[in-house]
Amino acid sequence: MATAQADADNAAAPLDQLLVDVGAGPLRRWLPGRPGVEFIASLAGKPRKVGRRMSTMVGELDCVVLGRSAVEPKRGDRRFGDPAWTHNPWLRRLVQAYLATGDAVAGLVDDAALAWRSDQQIRFLAENLIEAISPSNVLLVNPASAKAVVDLVQSGQQVFVISWRNPRADGAAWGMDTYGEAIVGALGAIGKICEIDRMLLLAACSGGIITSMLLGHLAARGRLDRIAGLGPRTAGPHRRAWPAGHRARPDQSGAARGVGQ
């Protein structure tokens, strides 16, 4: 009976999380909550393991600084596919330090040995935080993006950037139309500023998905000629694609029910 109830709780977790997300801000949604407390408490009881893990990381970072580290990205890691990540000594050290830090964090999660649900919540948070600070995400550090920026400037292209912000409570009613209309408005503003009728769009991650949808809208209205070209980079599946509800905490169930009512 207990197993059946646990299975039901896990199955309902995604719905709970979606309901909570309506009212909770992005910072609150990413707080580890009870699993975070369990994680810290577990590591606090294992000082030797933590010490060895930190000692290993510091030793590897020393090797990185001295140019003796053998750490390298896994084969097929497209983030560091540009040869400059390997051939440039500063970029190589930056990647090695990043990978050594990521390995240490992953090792600490393993050392904590939490129950499955808590382990997956902490592991997901840790992996996403580590991936977020990847050197490949820094525009002028990533060789590919830096070259693209230089090429655009040298070719005389005027570049405009749309930067999305996290919605607050007053943006709870925003939908895909809101974001699509924002792009249409930006295109109109750019056209007036540069006195042009057509422009090239470069869109990344979820922006690529929204922009691709926008092209369908423009095509349906016979206005696709406004777009000279599109370079999309859409969001792909995460290597640990857990349902949204894996982040739901026990204390969120009440809040979810409240929002649902």
Protein backbone atom coordinates (compact mmCIF):
# COMPACT_ATOMS: atom_id res chain seq x y z
CA MET A 1 0.00 0.00 0.00
CA ALA A 2 2.82 2.36 0.91
CA THR A 3 4.54 1.59 -2.41
CA ALA A 4 1.37 2.32 -4.33
CA GLN A 5 0.99 5.65 -2.53
CA ALA A 6 4.62 6.56 -3.27
CA ASP A 7 4.10 5.75 -6.95
CA ALA A 8 0.99 7.92 -7.00
CA ASP A 9 2.86 10.80 -5.34
CA ASN A 10 5.64 10.59 -7.91
CA ALA A 11 3.14 10.49 -10.78
CA ALA A 12 1.30 13.54 -9.44
CA ALA A 13 4.47 15.53 -8.75
CA PRO A 14 4.67 17.15 -12.21
CA LEU A 15 1.15 18.56 -11.84
CA ASP A 16 1.96 19.81 -8.35
CA GLN A 17 5.06 21.57 -9.66
CA LEU A 18 3.25 23.16 -12.59
CA LEU A 19 0.61 24.56 -10.26
CA VAL A 20 3.23 25.86 -7.86
CA ASP A 21 5.16 27.47 -10.71
CA VAL A 22 2.19 29.71 -11.44
CA GLY A 23 2.60 31.53 -8.16
CA ALA A 24 6.24 30.98 -7.25
CA GLY A 25 9.04 33.15 -8.56
CA PRO A 26 12.01 31.60 -10.37
CA LEU A 27 14.34 31.93 -7.37
CA ARG A 28 11.96 30.10 -5.03
CA ARG A 29 11.41 27.35 -7.58
CA TRP A 30 15.14 26.63 -7.68
CA LEU A 31 15.74 26.57 -3.93
CA PRO A 32 16.64 23.00 -2.89
CA GLY A 33 14.41 23.06 0.21
CA ARG A 34 14.36 19.90 2.31
CA PRO A 35 16.63 17.90 -0.06
CA GLY A 36 19.18 20.70 0.33
CA VAL A 37 19.07 20.35 4.11
CA GLU A 38 19.45 16.58 3.79
CA PHE A 39 22.39 17.08 1.41
CA ILE A 40 24.24 19.42 3.78
CA ALA A 41 23.48 17.25 6.82
CA SER A 42 24.72 14.13 5.05
CA LEU A 43 28.00 15.74 4.00
CA ALA A 44 28.47 17.24 7.47
CA GLY A 45 28.52 13.70 8.83
CA LYS A 46 31.19 12.64 6.33
CA PRO A 47 34.05 15.12 6.87
CA ARG A 48 36.72 12.70 5.62
CA LYS A 49 34.97 12.09 2.32
CA VAL A 50 34.36 15.80 1.83
CA GLY A 51 37.96 16.56 2.73
CA ARG A 52 39.30 14.01 0.24
CA ARG A 53 36.99 15.34 -2.45
CA MET A 54 38.11 18.92 -1.89
CA SER A 55 41.75 17.90 -1.69
CA THR A 56 41.46 16.11 -5.03
CA MET A 57 39.85 19.17 -6.63
CA VAL A 58 42.49 21.56 -5.28
CA GLY A 59 45.25 19.24 -6.46
CA GLU A 60 43.74 19.10 -9.93
CA LEU A 61 43.37 22.88 -10.04
CA ASP A 62 47.06 23.18 -9.17
CA CYS A 63 47.87 20.93 -12.12
CA VAL A 64 45.64 23.08 -14.32
CA VAL A 65 47.51 26.24 -13.36
CA LEU A 66 50.87 24.56 -13.97
CA GLY A 67 49.73 23.19 -17.32
CA ARG A 68 50.06 19.56 -16.20
CA SER A 69 46.38 18.59 -16.06
CA ALA A 70 45.17 15.76 -18.27
CA VAL A 71 41.50 16.65 -17.79
CA GLU A 72 39.66 17.09 -21.08
CA PRO A 73 36.04 17.26 -22.25
CA LYS A 74 34.26 14.02 -23.01
CA ARG A 75 34.27 13.00 -26.63
CA GLY A 76 31.28 14.50 -28.37
CA ASP A 77 30.90 17.45 -25.96
CA ARG A 78 29.88 20.04 -28.55
CA ARG A 79 30.32 22.92 -26.13
CA PHE A 80 34.09 22.65 -26.52
CA GLY A 81 34.30 21.45 -30.10
CA ASP A 82 36.15 24.53 -31.36
CA PRO A 83 39.92 23.77 -31.62
CA ALA A 84 40.70 26.99 -29.72
CA TRP A 85 39.44 25.37 -26.50
CA THR A 86 42.35 22.93 -26.80
CA HIS A 87 45.05 24.93 -28.57
CA ASN A 88 44.78 28.18 -26.65
CA PRO A 89 46.56 27.63 -23.30
CA TRP A 90 44.31 30.06 -21.40
CA LEU A 91 41.08 28.62 -22.78
CA ARG A 92 42.33 25.07 -22.18
CA ARG A 93 43.05 25.89 -18.54
CA LEU A 94 39.66 27.54 -18.17
CA VAL A 95 37.89 24.44 -19.48
CA GLN A 96 39.99 22.12 -17.30
CA ALA A 97 39.26 24.16 -14.18
CA TYR A 98 35.56 24.13 -15.03
CA LEU A 99 35.52 20.36 -15.58
CA ALA A 100 37.48 19.69 -12.38
CA THR A 101 35.01 21.78 -10.41
CA GLY A 102 32.06 20.00 -12.01
CA ASP A 103 33.54 16.60 -11.19
CA ALA A 104 34.00 17.65 -7.55
CA VAL A 105 30.39 18.81 -7.27
CA ALA A 106 29.10 15.60 -8.87
CA GLY A 107 31.28 13.61 -6.49
CA LEU A 108 29.84 15.41 -3.46
CA VAL A 109 26.33 14.53 -4.63
CA ASP A 110 27.42 10.89 -4.90
CA ASP A 111 29.05 11.03 -1.46
CA ALA A 112 25.84 12.35 0.13
CA ALA A 113 24.06 9.11 -0.86
CA LEU A 114 20.57 10.58 -0.47
CA ALA A 115 17.29 8.78 -1.02
CA TRP A 116 16.40 8.54 -4.71
CA ARG A 117 13.95 11.44 -4.89
CA SER A 118 16.15 13.85 -2.93
CA ASP A 119 19.21 12.69 -4.85
CA GLN A 120 17.57 13.45 -8.19
CA GLN A 121 16.47 16.91 -7.05
CA ILE A 122 19.93 17.85 -5.82
CA ARG A 123 21.65 16.24 -8.81
CA PHE A 124 19.42 18.10 -11.26
CA LEU A 125 20.06 21.42 -9.53
CA ALA A 126 23.82 20.81 -9.33
CA GLU A 127 24.10 19.76 -12.97
CA ASN A 128 22.16 22.75 -14.20
CA LEU A 129 24.13 25.21 -12.08
CA ILE A 130 27.40 23.71 -13.34
CA GLU A 131 26.24 23.81 -16.94
CA ALA A 132 25.08 27.40 -16.48
CA ILE A 133 28.59 28.56 -15.54
CA SER A 134 30.23 26.76 -18.45
CA PRO A 135 32.83 28.94 -20.22
CA SER A 136 31.02 28.14 -23.47
CA ASN A 137 28.10 30.27 -22.24
CA VAL A 138 30.23 33.42 -22.03
CA LEU A 139 29.80 35.30 -25.30
CA LEU A 140 33.27 36.77 -25.73
CA VAL A 141 35.04 33.76 -24.17
CA ASN A 142 33.45 31.16 -26.43
CA PRO A 143 35.65 31.19 -29.57
CA ALA A 144 32.75 30.48 -31.92
CA SER A 145 30.51 33.26 -30.62
CA ALA A 146 33.42 35.69 -30.34
CA LYS A 147 34.35 35.06 -33.98
CA ALA A 148 30.73 35.54 -35.03
CA VAL A 149 30.56 38.90 -33.26
CA VAL A 150 33.83 40.05 -34.84
CA ASP A 151 32.71 38.90 -38.29
CA LEU A 152 29.43 40.76 -37.97
CA VAL A 153 31.12 43.97 -36.88
CA GLN A 154 33.79 43.78 -39.56
CA SER A 155 31.21 43.12 -42.26
CA GLY A 156 29.38 46.31 -41.33
CA GLN A 157 26.28 44.57 -39.97
CA GLN A 158 24.26 46.44 -37.35
CA VAL A 159 23.45 44.03 -34.51
CA PHE A 160 20.47 44.29 -32.16
CA VAL A 161 19.79 41.95 -29.25
CA ILE A 162 16.51 40.97 -27.60
CA SER A 163 17.09 39.88 -24.01
CA TRP A 164 14.27 38.12 -22.18
CA ARG A 165 13.77 38.67 -18.47
CA ASN A 166 12.14 36.31 -16.00
CA PRO A 167 8.44 37.16 -15.66
CA ARG A 168 7.19 38.43 -12.32
CA ALA A 169 3.71 38.04 -10.88
CA ASP A 170 2.35 40.74 -13.20
CA GLY A 171 3.46 38.61 -16.16
CA ALA A 172 1.53 35.51 -15.12
CA ALA A 173 -0.80 35.86 -18.11
CA TRP A 174 2.00 36.01 -20.68
CA GLY A 175 1.77 33.39 -23.40
CA MET A 176 3.62 32.55 -26.59
CA ASP A 177 1.75 35.35 -28.34
CA THR A 178 3.30 37.85 -25.94
CA TYR A 179 6.83 36.80 -26.88
CA GLY A 180 6.00 36.56 -30.58
CA GLU A 181 4.49 40.05 -30.56
CA ALA A 182 7.60 41.34 -28.82
CA ILE A 183 9.75 40.06 -31.70
CA VAL A 184 7.40 41.62 -34.25
CA GLY A 185 7.63 44.91 -32.40
CA ALA A 186 11.42 44.67 -32.31
CA LEU A 187 11.54 44.01 -36.06
CA GLY A 188 9.44 47.10 -36.66
CA ALA A 189 11.69 49.24 -34.47
CA ILE A 190 14.85 47.91 -36.16
CA GLY A 191 13.37 48.57 -39.58
CA LYS A 192 12.73 52.21 -38.69
CA ILE A 193 16.14 52.72 -37.09
CA CYS A 194 18.11 51.20 -39.97
CA GLU A 195 15.64 52.16 -42.71
CA ILE A 196 15.47 48.61 -44.03
CA ASP A 197 12.68 46.21 -44.97
CA ARG A 198 14.44 42.86 -44.46
CA MET A 199 16.70 41.51 -41.70
CA LEU A 200 18.53 38.39 -40.59
CA LEU A 201 17.52 36.67 -37.35
CA LEU A 202 19.83 34.66 -35.10
CA ALA A 203 17.92 32.93 -32.30
CA ALA A 204 19.17 30.60 -29.58
CA CYS A 205 17.57 28.06 -27.27
CA SER A 206 13.88 28.80 -26.52
CA GLY A 207 14.28 31.99 -28.55
CA GLY A 208 14.87 29.74 -31.57
CA ILE A 209 11.63 27.90 -30.89
CA ILE A 210 9.63 31.13 -30.54
CA THR A 211 11.23 32.63 -33.65
CA SER A 212 10.50 29.50 -35.68
CA MET A 213 6.85 29.76 -34.65
CA LEU A 214 6.89 33.44 -35.59
CA LEU A 215 8.04 32.55 -39.12
CA GLY A 216 4.94 30.42 -39.53
CA HIS A 217 2.82 33.38 -38.45
CA LEU A 218 4.55 35.73 -40.90
CA ALA A 219 4.24 33.18 -43.70
CA ALA A 220 0.49 32.81 -43.05
CA ARG A 221 0.11 36.57 -43.34
CA GLY A 222 2.22 36.86 -46.47
CA ARG A 223 4.93 38.85 -44.68
CA LEU A 224 7.78 36.33 -44.67
CA ASP A 225 9.69 38.55 -47.11
CA ARG A 226 10.65 40.69 -44.10
CA ILE A 227 13.08 37.95 -43.02
CA ALA A 228 16.29 37.64 -45.05
CA GLY A 229 17.37 34.52 -43.20
CA LEU A 230 17.24 32.63 -39.91
CA GLY A 231 20.00 31.00 -37.89
CA PRO A 232 18.19 29.08 -35.12
CA ARG A 233 19.73 27.09 -32.30
CA THR A 234 16.82 25.51 -30.52
CA ALA A 235 16.75 23.89 -27.09
CA GLY A 236 17.48 20.18 -27.25
CA PRO A 237 16.70 17.44 -24.73
CA HIS A 238 18.63 17.63 -21.48
CA ARG A 239 20.91 14.69 -20.84
CA ARG A 240 18.96 14.08 -17.63
CA ALA A 241 15.43 14.79 -18.79
CA TRP A 242 13.39 14.41 -15.63
CA PRO A 243 9.78 15.61 -15.54
CA ALA A 244 9.11 19.06 -14.16
CA GLY A 245 7.71 17.58 -10.98
CA HIS A 246 11.01 16.07 -9.86
CA ARG A 247 11.69 19.45 -8.23
CA ALA A 248 8.44 19.46 -6.26
CA ARG A 249 8.94 19.51 -2.51
CA PRO A 250 6.53 18.10 0.06
CA ASP A 251 5.75 21.60 1.37
CA GLN A 252 4.72 22.66 -2.14
CA SER A 253 1.80 20.28 -2.38
CA GLY A 254 -0.39 22.51 -0.23
CA ALA A 255 0.56 25.56 -2.27
CA ALA A 256 -0.22 23.65 -5.47
CA ARG A 257 -3.66 22.69 -4.21
CA GLY A 258 -4.28 26.30 -3.20
CA VAL A 259 -3.39 27.60 -6.65
CA GLY A 260 -5.49 24.87 -8.28
CA GLN A 261 -8.55 25.91 -6.26
